[in-house]
Structures are given as structure tokens and as C-alpha cells.
Amino acid sequence: MARVHGSKIKKPWTRILGENLAEIGATVATGDWKTKVSCLILGFGPIMRGQVAKGLIFLLLEVAFIAYMAGFGAEYLSKFSTLGTVATQKVGRKTVYGDNSFLILLFGILTIIIIALFILVWRMNLRENYVEEKLLKEGKHLPANRKFLASFLDENFDKTLLALPCLGIFVFTVLPIIFMICVAFTNYDKNHQSPTNLFTWVGLANFRSLFSFGSNGFGSTFLTVLLWTLIWAFFATFIDYFLGLAVALLINKKGIKFKKLWRTILVLTIAVPQFVSLLYIMKMFGNDGIVNGYLMKWGWISSPIPFWTNPTLAKVMIVVINIWVGIPYMMLIATGLLMNIPEDLYESARMDGANPVQMFFKITLPYMLFVTGPFLLTSFTGNLNNFNVIYLLTQGRPQSVKLTGNAGYTDLLVTWLYKMTVNDTNYKMAAVIGIMVFLVTAVVSLVVYNMLPSVKDEEGFQ
């Protein structure tokens, strides 16, 4: 059953597929000989009907596809099911290279995508023949070649403008994501690195290992890291939010002097590169750092405080230090929003006898949550993947033999993924963790998004 979205009716994909197949069948069955030939030679129909420019584009795309498949696409696709069977060997002093599983996987994925795109081009070619036949039967003239080419700088300029960005997104974003997902179903690790060694498909074995609680499983470590990731994201988001709002309220309060000075001091923390500040703080609170050094010098402690070696204390330190890093951003945002709250609301509240606390919870906070709801969501998802703060302060330490996969007690999923990739070269499990990071972020984002006041009540403050 079709779904209503706004004023448009969205058809289910099964119905769309059925309609397309029916149109293809009708076009091939009732079309003229030019259309039938176009099923094999793309662009033949348009060329024969005078649409030379359009027909040549389809023809060149077909020639490029055939050349790609004949050149190396078909070869990589034929080995895609095994990811290679001929290993690299040493024959005397000569190295005889065999199959490269990495390239087979990469170009195999690319070939499958190119085949899918070619099918789409073939469908467009057939529809163009259908449209041209229909126009000619109605006694209408087909557009001239010059008009067709000019349309790419006029009504179709959006396609021309977006062509290069879309290609870039595909090459640098979509293809790597698909590749990473596929790696999660292989045994690609330090013992199976191409071109020296082959790797192959292992199905769901890596996912079973991630959720296994045995001696060789990652289940216990995964749950530990996931729980800390969610706790960290919650505190890092909401403590910074409410403290930043409090600082903004305090600075904007009537009677406070040197407002520009206080704002400037806070903004200076943003101007200093974060990695410089965090590395300095990490050294400052080390066992031989300035904090422990002076505390021992003054006789307040007899041994260094384990700021970074005690799991609980390290986590508390990370959250506290992030407050210093995050408050200025929220203070700046809140300052601008607070100035936009109508003063009439506060005047009416005062006339009704409301005190400052009641005005904050009934006027200021609801307004701020309504306007900054999307910002809170992006901050939360950003903190789920906040690599800098964690890695620059602790590198995920302290370590423990209880945690597998080189994970530490302060590791987030994203820093654990990094260590899996760079330190352990365990690409298969890193890919699995990458998928888990995406799932956790996506689920949390969707749930929180539907709870935002600005989504549930769009007219609330209008």
C-alpha cells in the first residue's frame, strides 16, 4: 500500500520495480527495429532518429563498460568468490607474485557497482527510446542536438554541477565504506596480508567472535568499551551543555562588569589548538608531572596520585578536562540565543509572581532545548566518536589483561578501532567494530532525534 508523505504519495519499491519491468517489456515488444537494436547497441535508436549527441553518450558509455570488463573487471569479478587462490611464492631468488586479495576485493566491489550502474544506463537508454517513439507518434518534433547539449548549462545544470562532487563522494566515501563492510566478513589480519598472503571469506565468524564471551572472544571487552562510550558521550555532552548555559547566563546577567573580558578569556581556549592543550594537560597530571611534583613537595601526598593509571580516576579526569575544552563553545552559542528570547516573556512572568528559578525552567530552558536540540544531538554523536580527547590524554590506557584486542579502560569504540587497525593490524575485527560504531551512532541518533522538542512540536515557539 502506498504511503502518504506530505502531499505526495510514495510508492513501495516492489510496485516501482514491477512498473519498470512492465514498461521494459512493453517497449521491447511494441518498439520499432531501432529500439530493439538499442537493447544491444546503446544509443542506436537516438542516433538513427537524429539525436546524435544523446546517442553517442550512451554508445560511449557502453564502449567504456565493455573495455573495462574486458581489460580487468571480468578477471577480478571471477575471483571475487574466493579472493584469490594462487599465493605469492619464492622461486630461488625470484619472487613470483600470485593473486592479490586486497585488489581482488576492491576491484571486485567496484566492478559489481559498475555493472549495476550500467544496468541503470541501459534502462535510461531504453526509456529514451520509448519517449522518442511516443513523441514521434504524436507528431511532435524531437529536440535538436544543440538544445540537448545546452540543457546541461540550463535546466539540467544541477546535474552538471553535481557530477564531480558525486563522483568524489562515491570514490572517497561510499566505496571505502562498502570495502570496510566486506572486510568484516574476511580473515584479513596481520597473518593474511596481501600480496604476500591471501585472505578469504569467513562469513559471520568475526561477528560471532565479537559477541563471544569465551577466552578468545571479544564479548566482554566490547560491552565494557561500549558502556564507557555511552557514559562518556552522555556526560561530555550534557555537563558541557548545562555548564556552558550557566556561564552564559552568569556573564549576561545585568550588573556583571567586564563582560567582553570574560568572554574573551573563554574564547582563548578555543583559539589554542586542542592537541597542544590536551598533550600539555596529560603531561601535567602524569606521575612525574607538575601537579604530583608540587603536591609531594608540599608534603600533601607521599606518592604520586594515579591520575592516568587508575581506571576510575582516569575516566573522571577525562570528563573534567573535557568540561574545560567544551564549555566555551556552548557559552558562545547560548549567548546568542539568550539575547533572542523575547523580554516580554520575562516581564509577563514577573508580573505573575514568578521567581528567577521558575523563569529559568519555564522560559529559558525550554527555549534553549527547543532551539539547540539538533546541536545537542550532533554533540552527542560527535562525542561517541571523539577520538582526540581520549587518545591524546590516555591513548586508551590503563591496559588490563581482562580486556582483549589491546583495549584499555578509557578506550572508546573509535579509539579501540584505531588501535586494532594501526597497532594490531587486525583489519577484520576493526571492520566489525566500525560497523558496530555505525549501528550504535545511528540507533542513538534516530531515537534521540524523535525525542527532540523541535521535531515533536515544530510550531512550539513560533
Protein backbone atom coordinates (compact mmCIF):
# COMPACT_ATOMS: atom_id res chain seq x y z
CA MET A 1 0.00 0.00 0.00
CA ALA A 2 1.36 3.42 -0.94
CA ARG A 3 2.36 5.77 1.88
CA VAL A 4 1.33 9.41 2.06
CA HIS A 5 4.22 11.80 2.72
CA GLY A 6 3.10 15.41 2.79
CA SER A 7 1.06 15.91 -0.37
CA LYS A 8 2.85 13.22 -2.35
CA ILE A 9 2.15 9.50 -2.43
CA LYS A 10 5.28 7.36 -2.18
CA LYS A 11 5.04 4.04 -3.96
CA PRO A 12 6.62 0.92 -2.44
CA TRP A 13 9.77 -0.25 -4.21
CA THR A 14 8.10 -3.52 -5.28
CA ARG A 15 5.47 -1.60 -7.20
CA ILE A 16 8.09 0.68 -8.78
CA LEU A 17 10.11 -2.37 -9.84
CA GLY A 18 7.02 -4.02 -11.30
CA GLU A 19 6.07 -0.91 -13.27
CA ASN A 20 9.60 -0.61 -14.65
CA LEU A 21 9.70 -4.24 -15.72
CA ALA A 22 6.30 -3.87 -17.37
CA GLU A 23 7.47 -0.76 -19.23
CA ILE A 24 10.65 -2.51 -20.38
CA GLY A 25 8.64 -5.47 -21.67
CA ALA A 26 6.17 -3.21 -23.48
CA THR A 27 8.96 -1.11 -25.00
CA VAL A 28 10.84 -4.12 -26.34
CA ALA A 29 7.67 -5.87 -27.57
CA THR A 30 5.99 -2.91 -29.30
CA GLY A 31 9.02 -0.77 -30.18
CA ASP A 32 10.36 -0.35 -33.70
CA TRP A 33 13.51 -2.00 -35.03
CA LYS A 34 15.66 0.93 -33.88
CA THR A 35 14.52 0.43 -30.30
CA LYS A 36 15.15 -3.31 -30.48
CA VAL A 37 18.69 -2.76 -31.76
CA SER A 38 19.22 -0.23 -28.94
CA CYS A 39 18.80 -3.09 -26.48
CA LEU A 40 22.20 -4.36 -27.67
CA ILE A 41 23.84 -1.23 -29.07
CA LEU A 42 23.11 1.61 -26.67
CA GLY A 43 22.23 4.90 -28.31
CA PHE A 44 21.49 3.34 -31.71
CA GLY A 45 17.84 4.46 -31.67
CA PRO A 46 18.54 8.10 -30.75
CA ILE A 47 21.32 8.31 -33.37
CA MET A 48 19.03 6.97 -36.10
CA ARG A 49 16.33 9.47 -35.06
CA GLY A 50 18.73 12.41 -35.28
CA GLN A 51 19.56 12.60 -31.58
CA VAL A 52 23.27 12.12 -32.31
CA ALA A 53 24.70 13.79 -29.20
CA LYS A 54 22.47 11.84 -26.83
CA GLY A 55 23.03 8.58 -28.70
CA LEU A 56 26.82 8.98 -28.73
CA ILE A 57 26.85 9.48 -24.96
CA PHE A 58 25.03 6.17 -24.47
CA LEU A 59 27.28 4.45 -27.01
CA LEU A 60 30.48 5.75 -25.41
CA LEU A 61 29.31 4.58 -22.00
CA GLU A 62 28.72 1.10 -23.39
CA VAL A 63 32.13 1.05 -25.09
CA ALA A 64 33.79 2.18 -21.83
CA PHE A 65 31.94 -0.53 -19.90
CA ILE A 66 32.97 -3.26 -22.34
CA ALA A 67 36.58 -2.04 -22.32
CA TYR A 68 36.65 -2.03 -18.50
CA MET A 69 35.17 -5.51 -18.23
CA ALA A 70 37.46 -6.94 -20.92
CA GLY A 71 40.53 -5.16 -19.51
CA PHE A 72 40.43 -6.39 -15.91
CA GLY A 73 36.93 -6.08 -14.46
CA ALA A 74 35.84 -9.58 -15.52
CA GLU A 75 39.06 -11.10 -14.19
CA TYR A 76 38.65 -9.58 -10.73
CA LEU A 77 34.97 -10.45 -10.66
CA SER A 78 35.72 -14.11 -11.49
CA LYS A 79 38.00 -14.32 -8.42
CA PHE A 80 35.67 -12.39 -6.12
CA SER A 81 34.08 -15.50 -4.59
CA THR A 82 37.45 -16.83 -3.37
CA LEU A 83 39.52 -13.60 -3.22
CA GLY A 84 42.32 -15.45 -4.95
CA THR A 85 43.77 -18.95 -4.88
CA VAL A 86 47.35 -18.51 -6.15
CA ALA A 87 49.67 -17.42 -3.34
CA THR A 88 52.91 -15.50 -3.78
CA GLN A 89 55.91 -17.82 -3.82
CA LYS A 90 59.67 -17.57 -3.63
CA VAL A 91 61.31 -19.45 -6.51
CA GLY A 92 65.03 -19.34 -5.89
CA ARG A 93 65.92 -15.67 -5.57
CA LYS A 94 62.92 -14.59 -7.55
CA THR A 95 59.53 -13.71 -6.07
CA VAL A 96 56.62 -14.94 -8.17
CA TYR A 97 53.57 -12.90 -7.25
CA GLY A 98 50.21 -14.61 -7.25
CA ASP A 99 46.75 -13.22 -6.56
CA ASN A 100 46.30 -10.05 -4.54
CA SER A 101 43.26 -10.50 -2.29
CA PHE A 102 43.15 -6.80 -1.45
CA LEU A 103 42.92 -5.72 -5.10
CA ILE A 104 40.51 -8.53 -5.91
CA LEU A 105 38.16 -7.38 -3.16
CA LEU A 106 38.48 -3.70 -4.05
CA PHE A 107 38.08 -4.04 -7.82
CA GLY A 108 35.51 -6.80 -7.41
CA ILE A 109 33.30 -4.39 -5.43
CA LEU A 110 33.96 -1.65 -7.97
CA THR A 111 33.06 -4.00 -10.84
CA ILE A 112 29.78 -5.01 -9.21
CA ILE A 113 28.88 -1.34 -8.72
CA ILE A 114 29.83 -0.52 -12.32
CA ILE A 115 27.65 -3.37 -13.58
CA ALA A 116 24.73 -2.03 -11.53
CA LEU A 117 25.32 1.47 -12.93
CA PHE A 118 25.49 0.09 -16.48
CA ILE A 119 22.13 -1.63 -15.98
CA LEU A 120 20.76 1.76 -14.91
CA VAL A 121 22.26 3.37 -18.04
CA TRP A 122 20.75 0.59 -20.17
CA ARG A 123 17.36 1.31 -18.57
CA MET A 124 17.73 5.03 -19.28
CA ASN A 125 18.65 4.24 -22.87
CA LEU A 126 15.52 2.11 -23.30
CA ARG A 127 13.30 4.75 -21.72
CA GLU A 128 14.76 7.39 -24.04
CA ASN A 129 13.78 5.22 -27.00
CA TYR A 130 10.28 4.86 -25.52
CA VAL A 131 9.91 8.64 -25.08
CA GLU A 132 11.21 9.40 -28.58
CA GLU A 133 8.85 6.90 -30.20
CA LYS A 134 5.92 8.33 -28.26
CA LEU A 135 6.74 11.91 -29.34
CA LEU A 136 7.09 10.93 -32.99
CA LYS A 137 3.77 9.02 -32.94
CA GLU A 138 2.10 12.16 -31.56
CA GLY A 139 3.53 14.13 -34.49
CA LYS A 140 5.90 16.18 -32.35
CA HIS A 141 9.49 17.09 -33.15
CA LEU A 142 12.44 15.83 -31.17
CA PRO A 143 14.69 18.47 -29.58
CA ALA A 144 17.77 19.48 -31.56
CA ASN A 145 21.24 18.29 -30.58
CA ARG A 146 22.31 21.83 -29.75
CA LYS A 147 19.37 22.26 -27.39
CA PHE A 148 20.17 18.93 -25.70
CA LEU A 149 23.79 19.94 -25.08
CA ALA A 150 22.77 23.45 -23.98
CA SER A 151 20.39 21.96 -21.40
CA PHE A 152 23.41 20.87 -19.33
CA LEU A 153 24.13 24.56 -18.77
CA ASP A 154 20.48 25.48 -18.25
CA GLU A 155 17.66 23.32 -16.87
CA ASN A 156 20.00 20.35 -16.29
CA PHE A 157 22.82 22.45 -14.85
CA ASP A 158 22.27 20.86 -11.44
CA LYS A 159 23.38 17.51 -12.89
CA THR A 160 26.46 19.11 -14.45
CA LEU A 161 27.35 20.89 -11.22
CA LEU A 162 26.86 17.83 -9.01
CA ALA A 163 28.60 15.31 -11.27
CA LEU A 164 32.12 15.86 -9.90
CA PRO A 165 31.10 16.08 -6.18
CA CYS A 166 29.01 12.91 -6.53
CA LEU A 167 31.96 11.11 -8.13
CA GLY A 168 34.20 12.26 -5.29
CA ILE A 169 31.71 11.09 -2.64
CA PHE A 170 31.48 7.71 -4.35
CA VAL A 171 35.26 7.21 -4.66
CA PHE A 172 36.31 8.57 -1.26
CA THR A 173 33.27 7.75 0.91
CA VAL A 174 30.87 5.15 -0.48
CA LEU A 175 33.45 2.74 -1.92
CA PRO A 176 35.63 2.68 1.26
CA ILE A 177 32.54 2.07 3.41
CA ILE A 178 31.44 -0.87 1.25
CA PHE A 179 35.02 -2.18 1.28
CA MET A 180 35.14 -1.96 5.09
CA ILE A 181 31.86 -3.81 5.43
CA CYS A 182 33.15 -6.58 3.17
CA VAL A 183 36.43 -6.83 5.14
CA ALA A 184 34.33 -7.66 8.22
CA PHE A 185 33.40 -10.94 6.52
CA THR A 186 37.01 -11.95 5.75
CA ASN A 187 40.04 -13.12 7.75
CA TYR A 188 42.13 -10.08 6.77
CA ASP A 189 44.71 -9.55 9.54
CA LYS A 190 48.49 -9.48 10.08
CA ASN A 191 48.73 -13.17 9.16
CA HIS A 192 46.78 -12.72 5.94
CA GLN A 193 48.19 -9.60 4.33
CA SER A 194 48.40 -9.24 0.59
CA PRO A 195 50.28 -9.53 -1.64
CA THR A 196 52.39 -11.95 0.44
CA ASN A 197 49.47 -13.93 1.87
CA LEU A 198 45.91 -14.39 0.73
CA PHE A 199 42.79 -13.77 2.77
CA THR A 200 39.34 -15.16 2.11
CA TRP A 201 35.70 -15.03 3.14
CA VAL A 202 34.79 -16.39 6.59
CA GLY A 203 31.12 -15.42 6.78
CA LEU A 204 29.87 -14.34 10.22
CA ALA A 205 32.84 -15.76 12.14
CA ASN A 206 34.16 -12.31 13.11
CA PHE A 207 30.76 -11.20 14.40
CA ARG A 208 30.47 -14.39 16.45
CA SER A 209 33.91 -13.66 17.88
CA LEU A 210 32.88 -10.10 18.82
CA PHE A 211 29.88 -11.35 20.78
CA SER A 212 31.61 -14.43 22.21
CA PHE A 213 32.37 -14.39 25.94
CA GLY A 214 34.89 -17.23 25.83
CA SER A 215 38.63 -16.96 26.42
CA ASN A 216 39.29 -15.95 22.81
CA GLY A 217 36.15 -13.86 22.37
CA PHE A 218 35.73 -10.10 22.39
CA GLY A 219 32.26 -10.03 24.00
CA SER A 220 33.25 -8.87 27.49
CA THR A 221 35.65 -6.24 26.16
CA PHE A 222 33.12 -4.99 23.63
CA LEU A 223 30.42 -4.48 26.28
CA THR A 224 32.92 -2.75 28.60
CA VAL A 225 34.08 -0.35 25.89
CA LEU A 226 30.52 0.24 24.61
CA LEU A 227 29.23 1.07 28.11
CA TRP A 228 32.06 3.55 28.74
CA THR A 229 31.50 5.08 25.27
CA LEU A 230 27.84 5.77 26.06
CA ILE A 231 28.62 7.07 29.58
CA TRP A 232 31.36 9.33 28.24
CA ALA A 233 29.15 10.71 25.45
CA PHE A 234 26.33 11.43 27.91
CA PHE A 235 28.45 13.30 30.46
CA ALA A 236 30.62 15.04 27.85
CA THR A 237 27.50 16.36 26.13
CA PHE A 238 25.16 17.36 28.94
CA ILE A 239 27.68 18.60 31.50
CA ASP A 240 29.22 20.90 28.88
CA TYR A 241 25.76 21.96 27.75
CA PHE A 242 24.37 22.97 31.13
CA LEU A 243 27.62 24.46 32.44
CA GLY A 244 28.06 26.42 29.22
CA LEU A 245 24.49 27.67 29.55
CA ALA A 246 25.12 28.61 33.19
CA VAL A 247 28.27 30.55 32.28
CA ALA A 248 26.40 32.38 29.51
CA LEU A 249 23.57 33.29 31.91
CA LEU A 250 26.07 34.49 34.51
CA ILE A 251 28.03 36.67 32.06
CA ASN A 252 24.83 38.11 30.51
CA LYS A 253 23.30 38.91 33.86
CA LYS A 254 22.62 42.59 34.42
CA GLY A 255 25.19 44.22 36.64
CA ILE A 256 28.09 41.95 35.65
CA LYS A 257 31.09 44.10 34.67
CA PHE A 258 33.79 43.35 32.07
CA LYS A 259 31.54 41.05 30.09
CA LYS A 260 33.73 41.26 26.99
CA LEU A 261 36.80 40.35 29.04
CA TRP A 262 35.22 37.17 30.46
CA ARG A 263 34.04 36.11 27.01
CA THR A 264 37.47 36.77 25.54
CA ILE A 265 39.21 34.69 28.21
CA LEU A 266 36.90 31.74 27.50
CA VAL A 267 37.27 32.08 23.73
CA LEU A 268 41.06 31.92 24.08
CA THR A 269 40.72 28.23 25.00
CA ILE A 270 39.19 27.68 21.55
CA ALA A 271 41.99 29.59 19.81
CA VAL A 272 44.69 27.30 21.24
CA PRO A 273 44.96 24.06 19.17
CA GLN A 274 43.24 21.29 21.11
CA PHE A 275 46.01 18.75 20.66
CA VAL A 276 48.53 21.17 22.25
CA SER A 277 46.31 21.76 25.29
CA LEU A 278 45.47 18.10 25.79
CA LEU A 279 49.06 16.88 25.47
CA TYR A 280 50.16 19.54 27.96
CA ILE A 281 47.44 18.54 30.44
CA MET A 282 48.34 14.87 30.01
CA LYS A 283 51.96 15.61 30.97
CA MET A 284 50.89 17.97 33.77
CA PHE A 285 48.90 15.24 35.57
CA GLY A 286 51.41 12.44 34.93
CA ASN A 287 53.18 10.63 37.78
CA ASP A 288 56.21 12.87 37.23
CA GLY A 289 54.14 15.90 36.22
CA ILE A 290 53.91 19.31 37.78
CA VAL A 291 50.74 18.55 39.81
CA ASN A 292 52.10 15.45 41.55
CA GLY A 293 55.51 17.10 41.87
CA TYR A 294 54.21 20.11 43.83
CA LEU A 295 51.79 18.06 45.93
CA MET A 296 54.68 15.82 47.02
CA LYS A 297 56.96 18.82 47.51
CA TRP A 298 54.43 20.45 49.83
CA GLY A 299 54.01 17.18 51.73
CA TRP A 300 50.34 16.79 50.90
CA ILE A 301 50.87 13.32 49.40
CA SER A 302 53.58 10.70 49.87
CA SER A 303 53.25 9.03 46.48
CA PRO A 304 52.02 10.24 43.07
CA ILE A 305 48.25 10.26 42.52
CA PRO A 306 47.49 7.73 39.70
CA PHE A 307 45.56 10.17 37.52
CA TRP A 308 46.10 8.10 34.35
CA THR A 309 46.78 4.61 35.76
CA ASN A 310 43.68 4.17 37.90
CA PRO A 311 40.70 3.30 35.62
CA THR A 312 38.05 5.19 37.59
CA LEU A 313 40.21 8.25 38.25
CA ALA A 314 41.33 8.37 34.62
CA LYS A 315 37.71 8.40 33.42
CA VAL A 316 36.80 11.16 35.89
CA MET A 317 39.81 13.20 34.75
CA ILE A 318 38.81 12.86 31.10
CA VAL A 319 35.27 14.10 31.78
CA VAL A 320 36.51 17.02 33.91
CA ILE A 321 39.14 18.11 31.38
CA ASN A 322 36.59 17.93 28.59
CA ILE A 323 34.48 20.43 30.53
CA TRP A 324 37.28 22.97 30.20
CA VAL A 325 37.52 22.22 26.48
CA GLY A 326 33.78 22.19 25.72
CA ILE A 327 32.24 24.98 27.81
CA PRO A 328 33.44 27.91 25.62
CA TYR A 329 31.64 26.55 22.52
CA MET A 330 28.36 26.21 24.37
CA MET A 331 28.83 29.60 26.05
CA LEU A 332 29.11 31.32 22.67
CA ILE A 333 26.06 29.53 21.26
CA ALA A 334 23.98 30.16 24.37
CA THR A 335 24.95 33.85 24.48
CA GLY A 336 23.50 34.49 21.04
CA LEU A 337 20.32 32.51 21.75
CA LEU A 338 19.66 34.10 25.12
CA MET A 339 19.62 37.52 23.50
CA ASN A 340 16.84 36.34 21.16
CA ILE A 341 14.42 35.29 23.90
CA PRO A 342 11.64 37.92 23.94
CA GLU A 343 11.93 40.10 27.02
CA ASP A 344 8.11 40.27 27.12
CA LEU A 345 8.02 36.66 28.31
CA TYR A 346 10.11 37.51 31.36
CA GLU A 347 8.11 40.67 32.08
CA SER A 348 4.86 38.70 31.98
CA ALA A 349 6.34 36.05 34.26
CA ARG A 350 7.48 38.67 36.78
CA MET A 351 4.01 40.21 36.80
CA ASP A 352 2.58 36.78 37.57
CA GLY A 353 4.94 36.45 40.52
CA ALA A 354 7.47 34.02 39.06
CA ASN A 355 10.90 33.91 40.66
CA PRO A 356 14.20 33.56 38.69
CA VAL A 357 14.31 29.77 39.15
CA GLN A 358 10.79 29.35 37.81
CA MET A 359 11.52 31.63 34.85
CA PHE A 360 14.62 29.57 34.03
CA PHE A 361 12.75 26.25 34.00
CA LYS A 362 9.59 27.59 32.34
CA ILE A 363 11.05 30.01 29.78
CA THR A 364 14.84 29.90 29.35
CA LEU A 365 15.49 26.16 29.44
CA PRO A 366 12.53 25.11 27.21
CA TYR A 367 13.52 27.74 24.66
CA MET A 368 17.17 26.65 24.69
CA LEU A 369 16.30 22.96 24.41
CA PHE A 370 13.92 23.69 21.56
CA VAL A 371 16.46 25.68 19.56
CA THR A 372 19.60 23.74 20.44
CA GLY A 373 18.07 20.25 20.24
CA PRO A 374 19.78 19.42 16.91
CA PHE A 375 23.06 20.80 18.31
CA LEU A 376 22.75 18.50 21.32
CA LEU A 377 22.22 15.54 19.02
CA THR A 378 25.24 16.35 16.88
CA SER A 379 27.33 16.92 20.02
CA PHE A 380 26.29 13.56 21.44
CA THR A 381 27.05 11.66 18.25
CA GLY A 382 30.30 13.60 17.92
CA ASN A 383 31.32 12.59 21.43
CA LEU A 384 30.57 8.96 20.65
CA ASN A 385 33.40 9.27 18.12
CA ASN A 386 35.54 11.82 19.99
CA PHE A 387 38.99 10.49 19.15
CA ASN A 388 41.10 13.49 20.14
CA VAL A 389 40.27 13.91 23.82
CA ILE A 390 40.61 10.22 24.69
CA TYR A 391 43.66 9.36 22.63
CA LEU A 392 45.68 12.48 23.38
CA LEU A 393 45.07 12.20 27.14
CA THR A 394 45.39 8.46 27.80
CA GLN A 395 45.77 6.57 24.50
CA GLY A 396 43.03 4.37 25.96
CA ARG A 397 45.08 3.36 28.99
CA PRO A 398 45.22 1.91 31.57
CA GLN A 399 45.56 -1.52 29.97
CA SER A 400 44.35 -4.75 31.54
CA VAL A 401 44.77 -8.44 30.85
CA LYS A 402 40.99 -8.69 31.32
CA LEU A 403 40.43 -6.71 28.12
CA THR A 404 41.24 -8.34 24.80
CA GLY A 405 42.19 -6.78 21.49
CA ASN A 406 44.67 -4.31 23.06
CA ALA A 407 41.76 -2.33 24.52
CA GLY A 408 42.17 -0.08 27.56
CA TYR A 409 39.72 1.02 30.23
CA THR A 410 39.34 4.52 28.75
CA ASP A 411 39.10 3.42 25.12
CA LEU A 412 36.04 4.43 23.14
CA LEU A 413 34.86 2.23 20.29
CA VAL A 414 36.56 4.58 17.82
CA THR A 415 39.95 4.56 19.62
CA TRP A 416 39.73 0.79 20.02
CA LEU A 417 39.09 0.56 16.28
CA TYR A 418 42.16 2.73 15.64
CA LYS A 419 44.39 0.52 17.79
CA MET A 420 43.02 -2.58 16.12
CA THR A 421 43.96 -1.14 12.74
CA VAL A 422 47.27 0.63 13.39
CA ASN A 423 48.81 -1.30 16.28
CA ASP A 424 47.45 -4.83 15.79
CA THR A 425 46.73 -4.74 12.02
CA ASN A 426 43.63 -6.77 12.86
CA TYR A 427 41.63 -5.34 9.98
CA LYS A 428 38.83 -7.90 10.13
CA MET A 429 37.86 -7.09 13.74
CA ALA A 430 38.44 -3.38 13.17
CA ALA A 431 35.91 -3.55 10.33
CA VAL A 432 33.42 -5.32 12.60
CA ILE A 433 33.90 -2.70 15.30
CA GLY A 434 33.49 0.01 12.63
CA ILE A 435 30.11 -1.47 11.73
CA MET A 436 29.16 -1.54 15.41
CA VAL A 437 30.17 2.13 15.78
CA PHE A 438 27.88 2.99 12.88
CA LEU A 439 24.98 0.98 14.30
CA VAL A 440 25.32 2.47 17.79
CA THR A 441 25.58 6.01 16.41
CA ALA A 442 22.66 5.51 14.01
CA VAL A 443 20.34 3.96 16.62
CA VAL A 444 21.12 6.59 19.26
CA SER A 445 20.74 9.41 16.73
CA LEU A 446 17.37 8.17 15.47
CA VAL A 447 15.97 7.61 18.97
CA VAL A 448 17.15 10.97 20.30
CA TYR A 449 16.09 12.80 17.13
CA ASN A 450 12.49 11.66 17.53
CA MET A 451 12.53 12.86 21.15
CA LEU A 452 13.67 16.40 20.32
CA PRO A 453 11.10 19.14 21.13
CA SER A 454 11.89 20.86 17.82
CA VAL A 455 10.85 17.68 15.97
CA LYS A 456 7.82 16.74 18.10
CA ASP A 457 6.41 20.28 18.18
CA GLU A 458 7.66 22.35 15.26
CA GLU A 459 5.19 25.16 15.99
CA GLY A 460 6.05 25.33 19.69
CA PHE A 461 7.97 28.60 19.66
CA GLN A 462 6.60 30.18 16.51
